[in-house]
Amino acid sequence: MGSVYRVEDTTLGREVALKAIRMADSTGAIAARLLREAKIIARLEHPRIIPVHDVGTLPDGRVFYTMKLVQGERLDQYAAGASGVLERLRTFQKICEAVSFAHAHCILHRDLKPHNIMVGPFGEVLVMDWGLAKVLTEEAGGGEIREGQQNPAASNTSHGAMLGTLGYMAPEQARGEASAVGERADVYSLGAILKFLLTDSVSLPRALGAIAGKATVEDLAERYGSVKELADDIDRYVDGLPVSAYPESAITRLWRWMGKNRAWILLILAYLLMRSLFIFWRAR
């Protein structure tokens, strides 16, 4: 639907990204979709969502909007150099923040995937490409994209009744069940992203595997009900707490508690050892 260019904002003396329609648009439908995308992003003022600066029409008649010029790399490129699981989980938490914020404003992304997420050089995360976004209520503005409308917005994106990217879209989304596509569809996509981030982990903890599994389960009723529920489980895992997706045995809880309190346990054992040696020496 659109091409993105790196341009200069001569008024403010900065570089920005400009997205403009790149094809003939005799009916004005493509221009309307581009403007709708810009308006949706403009409503989502969040530090982890790409901000829109301006909209307008180029001298040749093409509709455009400008946005922040993002410096960094796509999530798939970032993951190749990420140092460990915790670093990746912290990045995933930031992605969840953005999507949860959008859901709070009644907007679904519907095309979450590593190619649509940028990671900056200082760890900043931006969720991009809202061309397939779905507005859940008219109060959120603009109405909803009709499912049967073709949207040539993103490469590797299926068109027509099935909107999204294979491998990351929820089963109900892949089947074109528009009425069933809600927040849990984005939850599924986030779960697929989590699996991608953990793919090359040498030894994946069972709790993390359970979280990813619950986020991507086919049965809607078994899936996390919201992005916040998914993010809360990730938060608990990072903090060394039990997660809702993985019921722990008493032995597992004890082992996890010992791992979390290892320093105190070693200190107490060292004290008891020294105390025992002192008592033994006094008894001689």
C-alpha atoms as a PDB file:
ATOM      1  CA  MET A   1       0.000   0.000   0.000  1.00  0.00           C
ATOM      2  CA  GLY A   2       2.785   2.427   0.833  1.00  0.00           C
ATOM      3  CA  SER A   3       6.488   3.073   0.491  1.00  0.00           C
ATOM      4  CA  VAL A   4       8.556   4.579   3.289  1.00  0.00           C
ATOM      5  CA  TYR A   5      11.183   7.225   2.584  1.00  0.00           C
ATOM      6  CA  ARG A   6      13.807   8.929   4.703  1.00  0.00           C
ATOM      7  CA  VAL A   7      13.226  12.675   4.287  1.00  0.00           C
ATOM      8  CA  GLU A   8      14.197  15.968   5.904  1.00  0.00           C
ATOM      9  CA  ASP A   9      11.784  18.127   7.847  1.00  0.00           C
ATOM     10  CA  THR A  10      13.138  21.500   6.690  1.00  0.00           C
ATOM     11  CA  THR A  11      10.984  23.446   9.154  1.00  0.00           C
ATOM     12  CA  LEU A  12      12.356  21.765  12.281  1.00  0.00           C
ATOM     13  CA  GLY A  13      15.667  20.630  10.803  1.00  0.00           C
ATOM     14  CA  ARG A  14      15.293  16.916  11.467  1.00  0.00           C
ATOM     15  CA  GLU A  15      15.041  13.674   9.554  1.00  0.00           C
ATOM     16  CA  VAL A  16      11.721  11.826   9.577  1.00  0.00           C
ATOM     17  CA  ALA A  17      10.167   8.845   7.827  1.00  0.00           C
ATOM     18  CA  LEU A  18       7.522   9.552   5.194  1.00  0.00           C
ATOM     19  CA  LYS A  19       5.008   6.906   4.118  1.00  0.00           C
ATOM     20  CA  ALA A  20       3.130   7.546   0.868  1.00  0.00           C
ATOM     21  CA  ILE A  21       0.889   5.444  -1.350  1.00  0.00           C
ATOM     22  CA  ARG A  22       2.885   3.954  -4.199  1.00  0.00           C
ATOM     23  CA  MET A  23       0.203   2.792  -6.633  1.00  0.00           C
ATOM     24  CA  ALA A  24      -2.638   4.155  -8.739  1.00  0.00           C
ATOM     25  CA  ASP A  25      -5.632   5.015  -6.587  1.00  0.00           C
ATOM     26  CA  SER A  26      -8.461   6.061  -8.880  1.00  0.00           C
ATOM     27  CA  THR A  27     -11.141   5.320  -6.267  1.00  0.00           C
ATOM     28  CA  GLY A  28      -9.354   6.913  -3.316  1.00  0.00           C
ATOM     29  CA  ALA A  29      -9.694   3.704  -1.281  1.00  0.00           C
ATOM     30  CA  ILE A  30      -5.964   3.249  -0.726  1.00  0.00           C
ATOM     31  CA  ALA A  31      -5.515   6.866   0.338  1.00  0.00           C
ATOM     32  CA  ALA A  32      -8.378   6.448   2.782  1.00  0.00           C
ATOM     33  CA  ARG A  33      -6.730   3.370   4.279  1.00  0.00           C
ATOM     34  CA  LEU A  34      -3.401   5.150   4.646  1.00  0.00           C
ATOM     35  CA  LEU A  35      -5.079   8.086   6.377  1.00  0.00           C
ATOM     36  CA  ARG A  36      -6.980   5.699   8.632  1.00  0.00           C
ATOM     37  CA  GLU A  37      -3.723   3.991   9.589  1.00  0.00           C
ATOM     38  CA  ALA A  38      -2.210   7.384  10.466  1.00  0.00           C
ATOM     39  CA  LYS A  39      -5.231   8.334  12.566  1.00  0.00           C
ATOM     40  CA  ILE A  40      -5.120   5.047  14.478  1.00  0.00           C
ATOM     41  CA  ILE A  41      -1.426   5.494  15.289  1.00  0.00           C
ATOM     42  CA  ALA A  42      -2.034   9.125  16.256  1.00  0.00           C
ATOM     43  CA  ARG A  43      -4.542   7.973  18.894  1.00  0.00           C
ATOM     44  CA  LEU A  44      -1.972   5.625  20.405  1.00  0.00           C
ATOM     45  CA  GLU A  45       0.382   8.072  22.090  1.00  0.00           C
ATOM     46  CA  HIS A  46       2.745   5.702  23.861  1.00  0.00           C
ATOM     47  CA  PRO A  47       6.569   5.639  24.056  1.00  0.00           C
ATOM     48  CA  ARG A  48       6.630   2.132  22.566  1.00  0.00           C
ATOM     49  CA  ILE A  49       4.387   2.889  19.588  1.00  0.00           C
ATOM     50  CA  ILE A  50       5.696   4.723  16.521  1.00  0.00           C
ATOM     51  CA  PRO A  51       4.454   8.347  16.671  1.00  0.00           C
ATOM     52  CA  VAL A  52       2.876  10.159  13.715  1.00  0.00           C
ATOM     53  CA  HIS A  53       3.932  13.767  13.071  1.00  0.00           C
ATOM     54  CA  ASP A  54       1.836  14.971  10.135  1.00  0.00           C
ATOM     55  CA  VAL A  55      -0.405  13.970   7.216  1.00  0.00           C
ATOM     56  CA  GLY A  56      -0.881  15.630   3.852  1.00  0.00           C
ATOM     57  CA  THR A  57      -0.748  15.372   0.080  1.00  0.00           C
ATOM     58  CA  LEU A  58       2.391  15.437  -2.063  1.00  0.00           C
ATOM     59  CA  PRO A  59       2.603  17.696  -5.157  1.00  0.00           C
ATOM     60  CA  ASP A  60       1.856  14.666  -7.351  1.00  0.00           C
ATOM     61  CA  GLY A  61      -1.397  14.056  -5.447  1.00  0.00           C
ATOM     62  CA  ARG A  62      -0.294  11.112  -3.348  1.00  0.00           C
ATOM     63  CA  VAL A  63      -1.424  11.002   0.279  1.00  0.00           C
ATOM     64  CA  PHE A  64       1.333  10.686   2.904  1.00  0.00           C
ATOM     65  CA  TYR A  65       2.021  10.804   6.591  1.00  0.00           C
ATOM     66  CA  THR A  66       5.277  11.403   8.422  1.00  0.00           C
ATOM     67  CA  MET A  67       6.481   9.630  11.541  1.00  0.00           C
ATOM     68  CA  LYS A  68       9.520   9.235  13.748  1.00  0.00           C
ATOM     69  CA  LEU A  69      12.587   7.969  11.897  1.00  0.00           C
ATOM     70  CA  VAL A  70      13.468   4.805  13.781  1.00  0.00           C
ATOM     71  CA  GLN A  71      17.113   3.951  14.320  1.00  0.00           C
ATOM     72  CA  GLY A  72      17.922   0.369  15.221  1.00  0.00           C
ATOM     73  CA  GLU A  73      17.155  -3.121  14.002  1.00  0.00           C
ATOM     74  CA  ARG A  74      14.177  -5.413  13.599  1.00  0.00           C
ATOM     75  CA  LEU A  75      13.397  -7.791  16.443  1.00  0.00           C
ATOM     76  CA  ASP A  76      14.608 -10.791  14.438  1.00  0.00           C
ATOM     77  CA  GLN A  77      17.959  -9.058  13.842  1.00  0.00           C
ATOM     78  CA  TYR A  78      18.182  -7.993  17.486  1.00  0.00           C
ATOM     79  CA  ALA A  79      17.479 -11.536  18.712  1.00  0.00           C
ATOM     80  CA  ALA A  80      20.460 -12.857  16.780  1.00  0.00           C
ATOM     81  CA  GLY A  81      22.767 -10.787  18.973  1.00  0.00           C
ATOM     82  CA  ALA A  82      20.855 -10.700  22.261  1.00  0.00           C
ATOM     83  CA  SER A  83      23.014 -11.969  25.099  1.00  0.00           C
ATOM     84  CA  GLY A  84      20.564 -14.056  27.102  1.00  0.00           C
ATOM     85  CA  VAL A  85      17.031 -15.074  28.012  1.00  0.00           C
ATOM     86  CA  LEU A  86      16.477 -12.317  30.578  1.00  0.00           C
ATOM     87  CA  GLU A  87      17.480  -9.599  28.111  1.00  0.00           C
ATOM     88  CA  ARG A  88      15.040 -10.995  25.567  1.00  0.00           C
ATOM     89  CA  LEU A  89      12.279 -11.244  28.158  1.00  0.00           C
ATOM     90  CA  ARG A  90      12.759  -7.602  29.142  1.00  0.00           C
ATOM     91  CA  THR A  91      12.397  -6.630  25.497  1.00  0.00           C
ATOM     92  CA  PHE A  92       9.287  -8.809  25.244  1.00  0.00           C
ATOM     93  CA  GLN A  93       7.828  -7.054  28.295  1.00  0.00           C
ATOM     94  CA  LYS A  94       8.159  -3.718  26.468  1.00  0.00           C
ATOM     95  CA  ILE A  95       6.324  -5.130  23.438  1.00  0.00           C
ATOM     96  CA  CYS A  96       3.511  -6.308  25.706  1.00  0.00           C
ATOM     97  CA  GLU A  97       3.256  -2.824  27.225  1.00  0.00           C
ATOM     98  CA  ALA A  98       2.585  -1.288  23.802  1.00  0.00           C
ATOM     99  CA  VAL A  99       0.031  -3.884  22.731  1.00  0.00           C
ATOM    100  CA  SER A 100      -1.758  -3.779  26.076  1.00  0.00           C
ATOM    101  CA  PHE A 101      -2.001   0.015  25.761  1.00  0.00           C
ATOM    102  CA  ALA A 102      -3.523  -0.338  22.282  1.00  0.00           C
ATOM    103  CA  HIS A 103      -6.056  -2.858  23.588  1.00  0.00           C
ATOM    104  CA  ALA A 104      -7.006  -0.451  26.366  1.00  0.00           C
ATOM    105  CA  HIS A 105      -7.896   1.954  23.547  1.00  0.00           C
ATOM    106  CA  CYS A 106      -9.934  -0.740  21.746  1.00  0.00           C
ATOM    107  CA  ILE A 107      -7.421  -1.296  18.952  1.00  0.00           C
ATOM    108  CA  LEU A 108      -5.988  -4.651  17.837  1.00  0.00           C
ATOM    109  CA  HIS A 109      -2.767  -4.824  15.844  1.00  0.00           C
ATOM    110  CA  ARG A 110      -3.483  -8.125  14.016  1.00  0.00           C
ATOM    111  CA  ASP A 111      -0.047  -8.378  12.400  1.00  0.00           C
ATOM    112  CA  LEU A 112       2.413  -8.651  15.276  1.00  0.00           C
ATOM    113  CA  LYS A 113       5.651 -10.320  14.179  1.00  0.00           C
ATOM    114  CA  PRO A 114       9.416  -9.726  14.557  1.00  0.00           C
ATOM    115  CA  HIS A 115       9.545  -7.736  11.297  1.00  0.00           C
ATOM    116  CA  ASN A 116       7.067  -5.185  12.708  1.00  0.00           C
ATOM    117  CA  ILE A 117       8.996  -4.490  15.917  1.00  0.00           C
ATOM    118  CA  MET A 118      12.087  -2.297  16.094  1.00  0.00           C
ATOM    119  CA  VAL A 119      14.712  -2.285  18.855  1.00  0.00           C
ATOM    120  CA  GLY A 120      16.877   0.813  19.208  1.00  0.00           C
ATOM    121  CA  PRO A 121      20.534   1.034  20.251  1.00  0.00           C
ATOM    122  CA  PHE A 122      19.583   2.004  23.827  1.00  0.00           C
ATOM    123  CA  GLY A 123      17.031  -0.771  24.303  1.00  0.00           C
ATOM    124  CA  GLU A 124      14.039   1.286  23.181  1.00  0.00           C
ATOM    125  CA  VAL A 125      11.270  -0.765  21.549  1.00  0.00           C
ATOM    126  CA  LEU A 126       8.738   0.441  18.966  1.00  0.00           C
ATOM    127  CA  VAL A 127       5.771  -1.521  17.608  1.00  0.00           C
ATOM    128  CA  MET A 128       5.354  -0.611  13.930  1.00  0.00           C
ATOM    129  CA  ASP A 129       3.016  -1.126  10.967  1.00  0.00           C
ATOM    130  CA  TRP A 130      -0.575  -0.684  12.136  1.00  0.00           C
ATOM    131  CA  GLY A 131      -1.988  -1.084   8.626  1.00  0.00           C
ATOM    132  CA  LEU A 132      -4.089  -4.119   9.585  1.00  0.00           C
ATOM    133  CA  ALA A 133      -5.289  -2.656  12.885  1.00  0.00           C
ATOM    134  CA  LYS A 134      -8.866  -3.324  13.897  1.00  0.00           C
ATOM    135  CA  VAL A 135     -10.916  -0.825  15.894  1.00  0.00           C
ATOM    136  CA  LEU A 136     -13.175  -2.750  18.242  1.00  0.00           C
ATOM    137  CA  THR A 137     -15.668   0.031  18.933  1.00  0.00           C
ATOM    138  CA  GLU A 138     -16.890   3.013  16.971  1.00  0.00           C
ATOM    139  CA  GLU A 139     -16.232   5.138  20.050  1.00  0.00           C
ATOM    140  CA  ALA A 140     -12.517   4.498  19.523  1.00  0.00           C
ATOM    141  CA  GLY A 141     -12.916   6.270  16.200  1.00  0.00           C
ATOM    142  CA  GLY A 142     -12.981   5.525  12.505  1.00  0.00           C
ATOM    143  CA  GLY A 143     -14.990   2.323  12.448  1.00  0.00           C
ATOM    144  CA  GLU A 144     -13.615  -1.083  11.606  1.00  0.00           C
ATOM    145  CA  ILE A 145     -11.790  -2.255   8.479  1.00  0.00           C
ATOM    146  CA  ARG A 146     -14.091  -4.534   6.534  1.00  0.00           C
ATOM    147  CA  GLU A 147     -12.669  -8.035   6.569  1.00  0.00           C
ATOM    148  CA  GLY A 148     -13.314  -8.620   2.897  1.00  0.00           C
ATOM    149  CA  GLN A 149     -11.324  -5.578   1.817  1.00  0.00           C
ATOM    150  CA  GLN A 150      -7.969  -6.327   0.306  1.00  0.00           C
ATOM    151  CA  ASN A 151      -5.092  -4.638   2.067  1.00  0.00           C
ATOM    152  CA  PRO A 152      -1.764  -4.664   0.230  1.00  0.00           C
ATOM    153  CA  ALA A 153      -0.129  -2.950   3.180  1.00  0.00           C
ATOM    154  CA  ALA A 154       2.606  -5.347   4.178  1.00  0.00           C
ATOM    155  CA  SER A 155       4.763  -7.919   2.450  1.00  0.00           C
ATOM    156  CA  ASN A 156       4.220 -11.586   3.390  1.00  0.00           C
ATOM    157  CA  THR A 157       0.723 -10.693   4.571  1.00  0.00           C
ATOM    158  CA  SER A 158      -2.262 -12.715   3.452  1.00  0.00           C
ATOM    159  CA  HIS A 159      -5.134 -10.789   1.899  1.00  0.00           C
ATOM    160  CA  GLY A 160      -8.888 -10.987   1.741  1.00  0.00           C
ATOM    161  CA  ALA A 161     -10.766 -12.670   4.560  1.00  0.00           C
ATOM    162  CA  MET A 162      -7.511 -13.850   6.143  1.00  0.00           C
ATOM    163  CA  LEU A 163      -5.520 -10.872   7.414  1.00  0.00           C
ATOM    164  CA  GLY A 164      -2.183 -11.377   9.124  1.00  0.00           C
ATOM    165  CA  THR A 165       1.049 -13.329   8.737  1.00  0.00           C
ATOM    166  CA  LEU A 166       1.172 -17.105   8.706  1.00  0.00           C
ATOM    167  CA  GLY A 167       3.114 -18.469  11.645  1.00  0.00           C
ATOM    168  CA  TYR A 168       2.148 -15.529  13.849  1.00  0.00           C
ATOM    169  CA  MET A 169      -1.586 -15.127  13.346  1.00  0.00           C
ATOM    170  CA  ALA A 170      -4.056 -16.870  15.631  1.00  0.00           C
ATOM    171  CA  PRO A 171      -5.951 -19.919  14.301  1.00  0.00           C
ATOM    172  CA  GLU A 172      -9.270 -18.039  14.339  1.00  0.00           C
ATOM    173  CA  GLN A 173      -7.619 -15.242  12.371  1.00  0.00           C
ATOM    174  CA  ALA A 174      -6.183 -17.696   9.841  1.00  0.00           C
ATOM    175  CA  ARG A 175      -9.646 -19.195   9.351  1.00  0.00           C
ATOM    176  CA  GLY A 176     -11.066 -15.745   8.598  1.00  0.00           C
ATOM    177  CA  GLU A 177     -13.443 -15.819  11.566  1.00  0.00           C
ATOM    178  CA  ALA A 178     -13.756 -12.059  11.931  1.00  0.00           C
ATOM    179  CA  SER A 179     -16.212 -12.186  14.820  1.00  0.00           C
ATOM    180  CA  ALA A 180     -13.825 -14.357  16.862  1.00  0.00           C
ATOM    181  CA  VAL A 181     -10.781 -12.123  16.378  1.00  0.00           C
ATOM    182  CA  GLY A 182     -10.314 -10.139  19.574  1.00  0.00           C
ATOM    183  CA  GLU A 183      -7.575  -9.364  22.065  1.00  0.00           C
ATOM    184  CA  ARG A 184      -6.651 -13.038  22.317  1.00  0.00           C
ATOM    185  CA  ALA A 185      -5.609 -13.007  18.654  1.00  0.00           C
ATOM    186  CA  ASP A 186      -2.856 -10.512  19.500  1.00  0.00           C
ATOM    187  CA  VAL A 187      -2.052 -12.621  22.583  1.00  0.00           C
ATOM    188  CA  TYR A 188      -1.437 -15.561  20.253  1.00  0.00           C
ATOM    189  CA  SER A 189       0.869 -13.465  18.060  1.00  0.00           C
ATOM    190  CA  LEU A 190       2.802 -12.330  21.126  1.00  0.00           C
ATOM    191  CA  GLY A 191       3.127 -15.948  22.210  1.00  0.00           C
ATOM    192  CA  ALA A 192       4.541 -16.817  18.788  1.00  0.00           C
ATOM    193  CA  ILE A 193       7.013 -13.940  19.139  1.00  0.00           C
ATOM    194  CA  LEU A 194       7.987 -15.232  22.589  1.00  0.00           C
ATOM    195  CA  LYS A 195       8.633 -18.680  21.119  1.00  0.00           C
ATOM    196  CA  PHE A 196      10.768 -17.056  18.418  1.00  0.00           C
ATOM    197  CA  LEU A 197      12.821 -15.194  21.019  1.00  0.00           C
ATOM    198  CA  LEU A 198      13.402 -18.411  22.969  1.00  0.00           C
ATOM    199  CA  THR A 199      14.083 -20.671  19.984  1.00  0.00           C
ATOM    200  CA  ASP A 200      17.827 -20.958  20.451  1.00  0.00           C
ATOM    201  CA  SER A 201      17.754 -21.259  24.250  1.00  0.00           C
ATOM    202  CA  VAL A 202      19.938 -24.214  25.195  1.00  0.00           C
ATOM    203  CA  SER A 203      17.763 -25.285  28.118  1.00  0.00           C
ATOM    204  CA  LEU A 204      14.339 -23.673  28.149  1.00  0.00           C
ATOM    205  CA  PRO A 205      12.836 -23.551  31.663  1.00  0.00           C
ATOM    206  CA  ARG A 206       9.538 -25.402  31.867  1.00  0.00           C
ATOM    207  CA  ALA A 207       7.738 -22.351  33.259  1.00  0.00           C
ATOM    208  CA  LEU A 208       8.707 -20.275  30.208  1.00  0.00           C
ATOM    209  CA  GLY A 209       7.661 -23.057  27.869  1.00  0.00           C
ATOM    210  CA  ALA A 210       4.317 -23.233  29.667  1.00  0.00           C
ATOM    211  CA  ILE A 211       3.791 -19.468  29.290  1.00  0.00           C
ATOM    212  CA  ALA A 212       4.493 -19.596  25.563  1.00  0.00           C
ATOM    213  CA  GLY A 213       2.265 -22.662  25.235  1.00  0.00           C
ATOM    214  CA  LYS A 214      -0.659 -21.031  27.027  1.00  0.00           C
ATOM    215  CA  ALA A 215      -0.355 -17.914  24.857  1.00  0.00           C
ATOM    216  CA  THR A 216      -0.462 -19.940  21.641  1.00  0.00           C
ATOM    217  CA  VAL A 217      -2.989 -22.636  22.509  1.00  0.00           C
ATOM    218  CA  GLU A 218      -5.636 -23.029  19.789  1.00  0.00           C
ATOM    219  CA  ASP A 219      -8.585 -23.113  22.178  1.00  0.00           C
ATOM    220  CA  LEU A 220      -9.542 -19.507  22.922  1.00  0.00           C
ATOM    221  CA  ALA A 221     -10.866 -20.442  26.353  1.00  0.00           C
ATOM    222  CA  GLU A 222      -7.483 -21.891  27.351  1.00  0.00           C
ATOM    223  CA  ARG A 223      -5.458 -18.941  26.071  1.00  0.00           C
ATOM    224  CA  TYR A 224      -4.521 -15.945  28.205  1.00  0.00           C
ATOM    225  CA  GLY A 225      -7.537 -13.649  28.300  1.00  0.00           C
ATOM    226  CA  SER A 226      -5.495 -10.484  27.846  1.00  0.00           C
ATOM    227  CA  VAL A 227      -1.998  -9.238  27.126  1.00  0.00           C
ATOM    228  CA  LYS A 228      -1.776  -8.090  30.735  1.00  0.00           C
ATOM    229  CA  GLU A 229      -2.262 -11.662  31.974  1.00  0.00           C
ATOM    230  CA  LEU A 230       0.543 -12.821  29.689  1.00  0.00           C
ATOM    231  CA  ALA A 231       2.806  -9.940  30.735  1.00  0.00           C
ATOM    232  CA  ASP A 232       2.062 -10.578  34.422  1.00  0.00           C
ATOM    233  CA  ASP A 233       3.258 -14.173  34.088  1.00  0.00           C
ATOM    234  CA  ILE A 234       6.464 -12.969  32.399  1.00  0.00           C
ATOM    235  CA  ASP A 235       6.935 -10.419  35.204  1.00  0.00           C
ATOM    236  CA  ARG A 236       6.505 -13.144  37.815  1.00  0.00           C
ATOM    237  CA  TYR A 237       9.003 -15.396  36.044  1.00  0.00           C
ATOM    238  CA  VAL A 238      11.599 -12.604  35.812  1.00  0.00           C
ATOM    239  CA  ASP A 239      11.088 -11.865  39.524  1.00  0.00           C
ATOM    240  CA  GLY A 240      11.564 -15.533  40.428  1.00  0.00           C
ATOM    241  CA  LEU A 241       7.931 -16.086  41.398  1.00  0.00           C
ATOM    242  CA  PRO A 242       5.550 -18.921  40.375  1.00  0.00           C
ATOM    243  CA  VAL A 243       3.580 -18.373  37.169  1.00  0.00           C
ATOM    244  CA  SER A 244      -0.072 -19.171  36.551  1.00  0.00           C
ATOM    245  CA  ALA A 245       0.682 -21.226  33.429  1.00  0.00           C
ATOM    246  CA  TYR A 246       2.859 -23.734  35.253  1.00  0.00           C
ATOM    247  CA  PRO A 247       1.539 -25.379  38.460  1.00  0.00           C
ATOM    248  CA  GLU A 248       4.551 -26.237  40.598  1.00  0.00           C
ATOM    249  CA  SER A 249       5.118 -29.239  42.846  1.00  0.00           C
ATOM    250  CA  ALA A 250       6.299 -28.716  46.409  1.00  0.00           C
ATOM    251  CA  ILE A 251       9.812 -29.823  45.436  1.00  0.00           C
ATOM    252  CA  THR A 252       9.896 -27.373  42.493  1.00  0.00           C
ATOM    253  CA  ARG A 253       8.738 -24.519  44.734  1.00  0.00           C
ATOM    254  CA  LEU A 254      11.405 -25.408  47.306  1.00  0.00           C
ATOM    255  CA  TRP A 255      14.110 -25.584  44.632  1.00  0.00           C
ATOM    256  CA  ARG A 256      13.051 -22.239  43.152  1.00  0.00           C
ATOM    257  CA  TRP A 257      12.968 -20.672  46.634  1.00  0.00           C
ATOM    258  CA  MET A 258      16.466 -21.960  47.354  1.00  0.00           C
ATOM    259  CA  GLY A 259      17.712 -20.561  44.056  1.00  0.00           C
ATOM    260  CA  LYS A 260      16.186 -17.159  44.786  1.00  0.00           C
ATOM    261  CA  ASN A 261      17.618 -17.066  48.325  1.00  0.00           C
ATOM    262  CA  ARG A 262      20.927 -18.770  47.569  1.00  0.00           C
ATOM    263  CA  ALA A 263      23.086 -16.025  49.093  1.00  0.00           C
ATOM    264  CA  TRP A 264      21.229 -16.071  52.415  1.00  0.00           C
ATOM    265  CA  ILE A 265      21.244 -19.868  52.539  1.00  0.00           C
ATOM    266  CA  LEU A 266      25.009 -20.007  51.927  1.00  0.00           C
ATOM    267  CA  LEU A 267      25.570 -17.345  54.572  1.00  0.00           C
ATOM    268  CA  ILE A 268      23.522 -19.277  57.145  1.00  0.00           C
ATOM    269  CA  LEU A 269      25.260 -22.551  56.281  1.00  0.00           C
ATOM    270  CA  ALA A 270      28.646 -20.877  56.614  1.00  0.00           C
ATOM    271  CA  TYR A 271      27.650 -19.514  60.024  1.00  0.00           C
ATOM    272  CA  LEU A 272      26.387 -22.906  61.198  1.00  0.00           C
ATOM    273  CA  LEU A 273      29.590 -24.564  59.997  1.00  0.00           C
ATOM    274  CA  MET A 274      31.800 -22.052  61.811  1.00  0.00           C
ATOM    275  CA  ARG A 275      29.622 -22.333  64.926  1.00  0.00           C
ATOM    276  CA  SER A 276      29.877 -26.122  64.848  1.00  0.00           C
ATOM    277  CA  LEU A 277      33.664 -25.975  64.446  1.00  0.00           C
ATOM    278  CA  PHE A 278      33.917 -23.496  67.323  1.00  0.00           C
ATOM    279  CA  ILE A 279      31.805 -25.707  69.616  1.00  0.00           C
ATOM    280  CA  PHE A 280      33.850 -28.772  68.620  1.00  0.00           C
ATOM    281  CA  TRP A 281      37.094 -26.900  69.323  1.00  0.00           C
ATOM    282  CA  ARG A 282      35.805 -25.710  72.745  1.00  0.00           C
ATOM    283  CA  ALA A 283      34.746 -29.259  73.644  1.00  0.00           C
ATOM    284  CA  ARG A 284      38.247 -30.635  73.140  1.00  0.00           C
END
